[in-house]
Protein backbone atom coordinates (compact mmCIF):
# COMPACT_ATOMS: atom_id res chain seq x y z
CA UNK A 1 0.04 -0.04 0.21
CA UNK A 2 1.28 3.65 -0.37
CA UNK A 3 1.44 5.81 2.43
CA UNK A 4 -1.42 8.08 0.93
CA UNK A 5 -4.67 8.91 -0.16
CA UNK A 6 -3.54 11.10 -2.84
CA UNK A 7 -2.89 10.12 -6.53
CA UNK A 8 0.97 9.02 -6.97
CA UNK A 9 2.72 8.99 -10.68
CA UNK A 10 6.03 7.12 -10.95
CA UNK A 11 8.38 8.67 -13.60
CA UNK A 12 11.20 6.81 -14.93
CA UNK A 13 14.18 7.89 -17.24
CA UNK A 14 15.92 5.16 -19.25
CA UNK A 15 18.92 4.89 -21.46
CA UNK A 16 20.21 1.63 -22.55
CA UNK A 17 19.18 0.02 -19.38
CA UNK A 18 18.16 -3.22 -20.54
CA UNK A 19 19.69 -5.13 -18.04
CA UNK A 20 18.11 -3.02 -15.08
CA UNK A 21 14.78 -1.92 -16.33
CA UNK A 22 12.64 -5.15 -16.26
CA UNK A 23 13.58 -5.56 -12.50
CA UNK A 24 12.40 -1.72 -11.67
CA UNK A 25 9.24 -2.26 -13.65
CA UNK A 26 8.60 -5.43 -11.44
CA UNK A 27 9.26 -3.33 -8.32
CA UNK A 28 6.89 -0.55 -9.43
CA UNK A 29 4.26 -3.01 -10.16
CA UNK A 30 4.20 -3.86 -6.76
CA UNK A 31 2.89 -0.60 -5.59
CA UNK A 32 -0.60 0.89 -6.68
CA UNK A 33 0.72 3.96 -8.74
CA UNK A 34 -2.10 5.98 -10.50
CA UNK A 35 0.42 6.56 -13.33
CA UNK A 36 3.65 5.25 -14.40
CA UNK A 37 5.47 6.89 -17.14
CA UNK A 38 9.03 5.56 -18.71
CA UNK A 39 10.89 7.82 -20.82
CA UNK A 40 13.31 5.86 -23.22
CA UNK A 41 15.93 8.31 -24.97
CA UNK A 42 18.84 7.66 -26.95
CA UNK A 43 18.69 3.89 -26.45
CA UNK A 44 20.07 1.15 -28.80
CA UNK A 45 19.53 -2.04 -26.76
CA UNK A 46 15.93 -3.19 -25.65
CA UNK A 47 15.32 -1.08 -23.05
CA UNK A 48 11.93 -0.54 -24.76
CA UNK A 49 10.89 -3.76 -25.14
CA UNK A 50 12.04 -4.91 -21.69
CA UNK A 51 9.93 -2.01 -20.13
CA UNK A 52 7.00 -2.91 -22.48
CA UNK A 53 7.07 -6.38 -22.02
CA UNK A 54 6.95 -6.00 -17.84
CA UNK A 55 4.66 -3.17 -17.74
CA UNK A 56 1.46 -1.24 -18.89
CA UNK A 57 3.22 2.09 -18.09
CA UNK A 58 3.28 5.02 -20.72
CA UNK A 59 6.06 4.76 -22.51
CA UNK A 60 7.74 7.52 -24.59
CA UNK A 61 10.71 6.60 -26.97
CA UNK A 62 12.69 9.08 -28.57
CA UNK A 63 15.89 8.00 -30.90
CA UNK A 64 17.90 10.67 -29.29
CA UNK A 65 19.43 11.26 -25.88
CA UNK A 66 17.73 13.70 -23.85
CA UNK A 67 19.57 13.42 -20.51
CA UNK A 68 17.87 12.39 -17.32
CA UNK A 69 16.57 15.85 -16.22
CA UNK A 70 14.71 16.74 -19.85
CA UNK A 71 13.19 13.16 -19.41
CA UNK A 72 12.03 13.94 -15.99
CA UNK A 73 10.64 17.29 -17.20
CA UNK A 74 8.63 15.39 -19.77
CA UNK A 75 7.20 13.00 -17.70
CA UNK A 76 6.16 15.60 -15.02
CA UNK A 77 4.44 17.46 -17.96
CA UNK A 78 2.31 14.45 -18.75
CA UNK A 79 1.84 13.32 -15.16
CA UNK A 80 -1.84 14.68 -13.54
CA UNK A 81 -1.16 12.95 -10.19
CA UNK A 82 -0.71 14.70 -6.87
CA UNK A 83 2.61 13.34 -6.27
CA UNK A 84 5.60 12.76 -8.47
CA UNK A 85 7.95 10.26 -7.98
CA UNK A 86 11.27 10.42 -10.14
CA UNK A 87 13.67 7.58 -10.50
CA UNK A 88 16.45 6.29 -13.13
CA UNK A 89 16.50 3.14 -15.21
CA UNK A 90 20.10 2.41 -13.90
CA UNK A 91 19.47 2.52 -10.34
CA UNK A 92 17.86 -0.54 -8.74
CA UNK A 93 15.51 0.53 -6.04
CA UNK A 94 13.18 -1.87 -3.93
CA UNK A 95 9.07 -0.85 -3.72
CA UNK A 96 10.26 -0.21 0.09
CA UNK A 97 12.79 2.06 -1.10
CA UNK A 98 10.38 4.30 -2.73
CA UNK A 99 7.76 4.67 -0.11
CA UNK A 100 9.51 7.22 2.12
CA UNK A 101 9.48 9.80 -0.62
CA UNK A 102 5.95 9.48 -1.25
CA UNK A 103 5.34 9.43 2.44
CA UNK A 104 7.58 12.56 2.83
CA UNK A 105 5.21 14.43 0.42
CA UNK A 106 2.04 13.32 2.14
CA UNK A 107 3.21 14.47 5.58
CA UNK A 108 3.69 17.95 3.94
CA UNK A 109 6.89 18.07 2.19
CA UNK A 110 6.69 19.78 -1.44
CA UNK A 111 10.34 18.43 -2.22
CA UNK A 112 11.16 15.50 -0.55
CA UNK A 113 14.86 14.70 -1.01
CA UNK A 114 17.14 11.39 -0.98
CA UNK A 115 19.90 11.75 1.98
CA UNK A 116 23.08 10.56 0.50
CA UNK A 117 25.09 12.07 3.15
CA UNK A 118 25.86 8.65 5.08
CA UNK A 119 27.25 7.11 2.23
CA UNK A 120 29.74 10.13 1.54
CA UNK A 121 33.41 10.56 2.31
CA UNK A 122 34.75 12.58 4.57
CA UNK A 123 34.53 16.42 3.62
CA UNK A 124 37.98 16.66 2.68
CA UNK A 125 37.95 13.60 0.21
CA UNK A 126 34.56 14.33 -1.44
CA UNK A 127 34.44 15.40 -5.43
CA UNK A 128 33.82 18.72 -6.85
CA UNK A 129 30.31 18.02 -7.52
CA UNK A 130 29.46 17.11 -3.97
CA UNK A 131 31.31 20.62 -2.68
CA UNK A 132 29.23 22.41 -5.08
CA UNK A 133 26.04 20.89 -4.15
CA UNK A 134 26.63 21.87 -0.45
CA UNK A 135 28.08 25.15 -1.33
CA UNK A 136 24.50 25.89 -3.11
CA UNK A 137 22.39 24.61 -0.28
CA UNK A 138 24.48 26.67 2.23
CA UNK A 139 24.25 29.89 -0.12
CA UNK A 140 20.41 29.53 0.07
CA UNK A 141 20.34 29.42 3.73
CA UNK A 142 19.89 25.77 3.80
CA UNK A 143 22.83 24.27 5.13
CA UNK A 144 20.90 21.60 6.85
CA UNK A 145 20.24 20.03 3.56
CA UNK A 146 24.05 19.27 3.11
CA UNK A 147 24.95 17.89 -0.44
CA UNK A 148 21.29 16.49 -0.82
CA UNK A 149 19.82 17.58 -4.32
CA UNK A 150 16.93 17.37 -6.82
CA UNK A 151 19.94 16.09 -9.01
CA UNK A 152 19.67 12.92 -7.23
CA UNK A 153 17.23 10.35 -7.26
CA UNK A 154 14.85 9.17 -5.78
CA UNK A 155 13.34 12.22 -4.96
CA UNK A 156 9.42 13.40 -4.90
CA UNK A 157 7.34 16.86 -5.61
CA UNK A 158 3.89 17.78 -4.57
CA UNK A 159 1.40 19.02 -7.04
CA UNK A 160 2.17 22.52 -5.52
CA UNK A 161 5.88 22.20 -6.27
CA UNK A 162 5.20 21.16 -9.91
CA UNK A 163 2.88 24.48 -10.15
CA UNK A 164 5.36 26.90 -8.54
CA UNK A 165 8.37 25.77 -10.28
CA UNK A 166 6.93 25.07 -13.72
CA UNK A 167 7.94 22.20 -15.96
CA UNK A 168 10.90 24.07 -17.82
CA UNK A 169 12.54 24.45 -14.45
CA UNK A 170 13.04 20.71 -13.80
CA UNK A 171 15.35 20.35 -16.92
CA UNK A 172 17.99 22.19 -14.15
CA UNK A 173 17.31 20.63 -11.32
CA UNK A 174 19.69 22.71 -9.02
CA UNK A 175 17.64 25.95 -10.36
CA UNK A 176 14.45 24.65 -9.49
CA UNK A 177 15.92 23.73 -6.02
CA UNK A 178 17.08 27.54 -5.76
CA UNK A 179 13.47 28.74 -6.82
CA UNK A 180 11.76 26.07 -4.42
CA UNK A 181 13.75 27.88 -1.58
CA UNK A 182 13.12 31.25 -2.78
CA UNK A 183 9.57 30.34 -3.05
CA UNK A 184 9.30 29.23 0.28
CA UNK A 185 8.50 25.65 -0.69
CA UNK A 186 8.65 22.81 1.95
CA UNK A 187 11.93 20.91 1.10
CA UNK A 188 13.38 18.42 3.56
CA UNK A 189 14.70 14.74 3.67
CA UNK A 190 12.34 11.75 3.38
CA UNK A 191 14.47 8.58 2.65
CA UNK A 192 18.12 7.61 2.24
CA UNK A 193 19.00 5.43 -0.48
CA UNK A 194 22.66 4.52 -1.49
CA UNK A 195 22.57 5.57 -5.12
CA UNK A 196 26.32 6.41 -4.92
CA UNK A 197 27.86 3.15 -5.12
CA UNK A 198 24.84 1.80 -7.30
CA UNK A 199 25.13 4.10 -10.23
CA UNK A 200 26.19 2.81 -13.35
CA UNK A 201 29.61 3.99 -14.32
CA UNK A 202 30.09 5.06 -17.88
CA UNK A 203 33.11 6.94 -19.61
CA UNK A 204 31.54 10.24 -19.42
CA UNK A 205 30.99 10.07 -15.72
CA UNK A 206 34.26 8.61 -14.18
CA UNK A 207 37.38 10.51 -13.51
CA UNK A 208 38.55 13.90 -12.82
CA UNK A 209 36.83 16.77 -14.83
CA UNK A 210 34.29 14.28 -16.89
CA UNK A 211 31.21 15.77 -18.82
CA UNK A 212 28.66 14.70 -16.46
CA UNK A 213 30.26 16.26 -13.61
CA UNK A 214 31.25 19.63 -15.58
CA UNK A 215 27.55 19.67 -16.65
CA UNK A 216 26.38 19.41 -13.12
CA UNK A 217 28.78 22.04 -11.76
CA UNK A 218 27.59 24.32 -14.77
CA UNK A 219 24.00 23.78 -13.77
CA UNK A 220 24.50 24.67 -10.10
CA UNK A 221 26.62 27.62 -11.19
CA UNK A 222 23.36 28.76 -13.18
CA UNK A 223 21.50 28.14 -10.00
CA UNK A 224 23.74 30.45 -7.87
CA UNK A 225 23.25 33.15 -10.59
CA UNK A 226 19.50 32.98 -10.51
CA UNK A 227 19.59 33.02 -6.72
CA UNK A 228 21.64 36.04 -6.67
CA UNK A 229 19.31 37.65 -8.89
CA UNK A 230 16.54 36.99 -6.60
CA UNK A 231 17.91 37.17 -3.42
CA UNK A 232 20.89 39.98 -3.64
CA UNK A 233 24.69 38.74 -4.41
CA UNK A 234 25.49 37.79 -0.98
CA UNK A 235 22.59 35.31 -0.51
CA UNK A 236 22.57 33.69 3.13
CA UNK A 237 26.27 35.02 3.56
CA UNK A 238 25.60 38.26 5.94
CA UNK A 239 28.70 40.63 6.07
CA UNK A 240 28.55 41.87 9.58
CA UNK A 241 32.21 42.78 10.01
CA UNK A 242 32.18 45.94 7.69
CA UNK A 243 30.44 49.37 7.95
CA UNK A 244 30.70 50.55 3.93
CA UNK A 245 28.66 53.33 5.13
CA UNK A 246 31.75 54.95 6.87
CA UNK A 247 33.44 55.01 3.52
CA UNK A 248 30.65 56.20 1.48
CA UNK A 249 29.58 52.81 0.19
CA UNK A 250 26.56 50.80 0.57
CA UNK A 251 25.59 49.60 4.02
């Protein structure tokens, strides 16, 4: 059973995941979702057939790669449910892993994030992507979120969040997170799944300065720029050490 009486949609993005997507669909089938959307994009394997053979989900297939974020936005555009749960086709989760995120929204969150903090290295040994995630949250006045982000799955959004943020913002998750803070949406942690060790290693997401890392860092820089435009350049960092007015500057 789902921990809510609200309608719930699951949105799964898939790119060449024929070895895992069938098992993910099996887990989704264990829960009474009102809607399931699978966004197959840029796949040259049998991902579409595996998803279709194991589910009655609505499956969208695109020959070109869209990226996880665009795929999630497309699923969100189609979904009519009150709660939207976002998953990736390369990360195996049990039905039990999914339930806390749905429950988080049911209990009042608009953005229910995955707590990956227990699975990260000590601060000095973390990578640049983790640093920028944590810096963005601190800059937004939410250091309690640490490095937890809408960039990572699973996470869930309320219908209010979708309405306030807009579908287009979901294509750049850090910007959506910055907007969520700016608009006073309720953001919190509602589950903890180790997606770090289970994330599939690819040629474009391993090693220093890989393409995926560069993309994520760029997204966070866009989010910082947007946050500065909305809340001022100092964001959550208050300068209480300088009296600029004495020198003729702004206080």
